């Protein structure tokens, strides 16, 4: 099932999710007519609704802030190391 193949499909799925989940907070901004039309397509809406109603297939665990800080420090060190390999520009 390729429901999120482009931005129009993603925005249309968001519109269907708003109808199903009725969240207190919603995205703001202009939604293209193509996304509105797709969200009203019965087959598409049924697929998105089924996706929203089934049991989760996993759990997202975002990285800890300290892990992100450590990774950033490693990247900065690697960047400095690579800069050291570049030829020095004449002064």
C-alpha atoms as a PDB file:
ATOM      1  CA  UNK A   1       0.000   0.000   0.000  1.00  0.00           C
ATOM      2  CA  UNK A   2       1.605   3.244  -1.137  1.00  0.00           C
ATOM      3  CA  UNK A   3      -0.487   5.838   0.653  1.00  0.00           C
ATOM      4  CA  UNK A   4       2.160   8.504   1.190  1.00  0.00           C
ATOM      5  CA  UNK A   5       3.823   8.660  -2.217  1.00  0.00           C
ATOM      6  CA  UNK A   6       3.865  12.463  -2.439  1.00  0.00           C
ATOM      7  CA  UNK A   7       2.848  15.622  -0.621  1.00  0.00           C
ATOM      8  CA  UNK A   8      -0.697  15.578  -2.010  1.00  0.00           C
ATOM      9  CA  UNK A   9      -1.250  12.065  -0.618  1.00  0.00           C
ATOM     10  CA  UNK A  10       0.283  13.020   2.735  1.00  0.00           C
ATOM     11  CA  UNK A  11      -1.897  16.117   3.045  1.00  0.00           C
ATOM     12  CA  UNK A  12      -4.998  14.174   1.996  1.00  0.00           C
ATOM     13  CA  UNK A  13      -4.207  11.497   4.604  1.00  0.00           C
ATOM     14  CA  UNK A  14      -3.879  14.250   7.208  1.00  0.00           C
ATOM     15  CA  UNK A  15      -7.344  15.537   6.288  1.00  0.00           C
ATOM     16  CA  UNK A  16      -8.805  12.045   6.662  1.00  0.00           C
ATOM     17  CA  UNK A  17      -7.012  11.675  10.012  1.00  0.00           C
ATOM     18  CA  UNK A  18      -8.564  14.937  11.199  1.00  0.00           C
ATOM     19  CA  UNK A  19     -12.017  13.533  10.471  1.00  0.00           C
ATOM     20  CA  UNK A  20     -11.262  10.199  12.184  1.00  0.00           C
ATOM     21  CA  UNK A  21      -9.259  11.367  15.215  1.00  0.00           C
ATOM     22  CA  UNK A  22     -10.753  14.857  15.693  1.00  0.00           C
ATOM     23  CA  UNK A  23      -7.607  16.331  17.326  1.00  0.00           C
ATOM     24  CA  UNK A  24      -7.704  19.553  19.325  1.00  0.00           C
ATOM     25  CA  UNK A  25      -4.760  20.967  17.350  1.00  0.00           C
ATOM     26  CA  UNK A  26      -4.671  20.898  13.566  1.00  0.00           C
ATOM     27  CA  UNK A  27      -2.252  22.045  10.897  1.00  0.00           C
ATOM     28  CA  UNK A  28      -2.727  25.544   9.669  1.00  0.00           C
ATOM     29  CA  UNK A  29      -2.213  26.809   6.197  1.00  0.00           C
ATOM     30  CA  UNK A  30      -3.565  26.348   2.747  1.00  0.00           C
ATOM     31  CA  UNK A  31      -4.396  22.840   1.649  1.00  0.00           C
ATOM     32  CA  UNK A  32      -4.307  22.314  -2.091  1.00  0.00           C
ATOM     33  CA  UNK A  33      -7.538  21.409  -3.810  1.00  0.00           C
ATOM     34  CA  UNK A  34      -5.917  18.215  -5.117  1.00  0.00           C
ATOM     35  CA  UNK A  35      -5.390  17.034  -1.514  1.00  0.00           C
ATOM     36  CA  UNK A  36      -8.966  17.918  -0.575  1.00  0.00           C
ATOM     37  CA  UNK A  37     -10.265  16.014  -3.590  1.00  0.00           C
ATOM     38  CA  UNK A  38      -8.118  12.977  -2.793  1.00  0.00           C
ATOM     39  CA  UNK A  39      -9.199  12.998   0.866  1.00  0.00           C
ATOM     40  CA  UNK A  40     -12.806  12.736  -0.345  1.00  0.00           C
ATOM     41  CA  UNK A  41     -12.047   9.727  -2.569  1.00  0.00           C
ATOM     42  CA  UNK A  42     -13.893   6.821  -0.886  1.00  0.00           C
ATOM     43  CA  UNK A  43     -11.183   4.229  -1.610  1.00  0.00           C
ATOM     44  CA  UNK A  44      -8.354   6.449  -0.378  1.00  0.00           C
ATOM     45  CA  UNK A  45     -10.310   7.526   2.718  1.00  0.00           C
ATOM     46  CA  UNK A  46     -11.173   3.904   3.532  1.00  0.00           C
ATOM     47  CA  UNK A  47      -7.497   2.884   3.295  1.00  0.00           C
ATOM     48  CA  UNK A  48      -6.388   5.727   5.579  1.00  0.00           C
ATOM     49  CA  UNK A  49      -9.171   5.043   8.066  1.00  0.00           C
ATOM     50  CA  UNK A  50      -8.187   1.360   8.184  1.00  0.00           C
ATOM     51  CA  UNK A  51      -4.566   2.353   8.800  1.00  0.00           C
ATOM     52  CA  UNK A  52      -5.579   4.637  11.665  1.00  0.00           C
ATOM     53  CA  UNK A  53      -7.838   2.081  13.318  1.00  0.00           C
ATOM     54  CA  UNK A  54      -5.531  -0.927  13.378  1.00  0.00           C
ATOM     55  CA  UNK A  55      -3.158  -1.804  16.188  1.00  0.00           C
ATOM     56  CA  UNK A  56       0.265  -0.124  16.142  1.00  0.00           C
ATOM     57  CA  UNK A  57       2.965  -2.197  14.469  1.00  0.00           C
ATOM     58  CA  UNK A  58       5.738  -0.816  16.653  1.00  0.00           C
ATOM     59  CA  UNK A  59       6.791   2.000  18.872  1.00  0.00           C
ATOM     60  CA  UNK A  60       8.911   5.055  18.097  1.00  0.00           C
ATOM     61  CA  UNK A  61      11.601   5.784  20.647  1.00  0.00           C
ATOM     62  CA  UNK A  62      13.324   9.083  19.838  1.00  0.00           C
ATOM     63  CA  UNK A  63      17.007   9.316  20.707  1.00  0.00           C
ATOM     64  CA  UNK A  64      17.913  10.800  24.069  1.00  0.00           C
ATOM     65  CA  UNK A  65      19.164  14.374  24.049  1.00  0.00           C
ATOM     66  CA  UNK A  66      22.561  13.283  25.390  1.00  0.00           C
ATOM     67  CA  UNK A  67      22.924  10.743  22.553  1.00  0.00           C
ATOM     68  CA  UNK A  68      22.185  13.486  20.027  1.00  0.00           C
ATOM     69  CA  UNK A  69      24.715  15.786  21.707  1.00  0.00           C
ATOM     70  CA  UNK A  70      27.343  13.022  21.610  1.00  0.00           C
ATOM     71  CA  UNK A  71      26.672  12.360  17.932  1.00  0.00           C
ATOM     72  CA  UNK A  72      26.928  16.085  17.167  1.00  0.00           C
ATOM     73  CA  UNK A  73      30.258  16.299  18.995  1.00  0.00           C
ATOM     74  CA  UNK A  74      31.545  13.335  16.966  1.00  0.00           C
ATOM     75  CA  UNK A  75      30.449  14.980  13.721  1.00  0.00           C
ATOM     76  CA  UNK A  76      32.124  18.249  14.688  1.00  0.00           C
ATOM     77  CA  UNK A  77      35.357  16.412  15.487  1.00  0.00           C
ATOM     78  CA  UNK A  78      35.223  14.581  12.156  1.00  0.00           C
ATOM     79  CA  UNK A  79      34.590  17.887  10.379  1.00  0.00           C
ATOM     80  CA  UNK A  80      37.664  19.463  11.981  1.00  0.00           C
ATOM     81  CA  UNK A  81      39.676  16.396  11.060  1.00  0.00           C
ATOM     82  CA  UNK A  82      38.581  16.677   7.441  1.00  0.00           C
ATOM     83  CA  UNK A  83      39.301  20.409   7.392  1.00  0.00           C
ATOM     84  CA  UNK A  84      42.846  19.551   8.469  1.00  0.00           C
ATOM     85  CA  UNK A  85      43.257  17.435   5.334  1.00  0.00           C
ATOM     86  CA  UNK A  86      42.416  20.331   3.019  1.00  0.00           C
ATOM     87  CA  UNK A  87      45.297  22.228   1.467  1.00  0.00           C
ATOM     88  CA  UNK A  88      45.977  25.528   3.204  1.00  0.00           C
ATOM     89  CA  UNK A  89      44.975  28.606   1.205  1.00  0.00           C
ATOM     90  CA  UNK A  90      47.796  31.082   0.602  1.00  0.00           C
ATOM     91  CA  UNK A  91      47.614  34.122   2.902  1.00  0.00           C
END
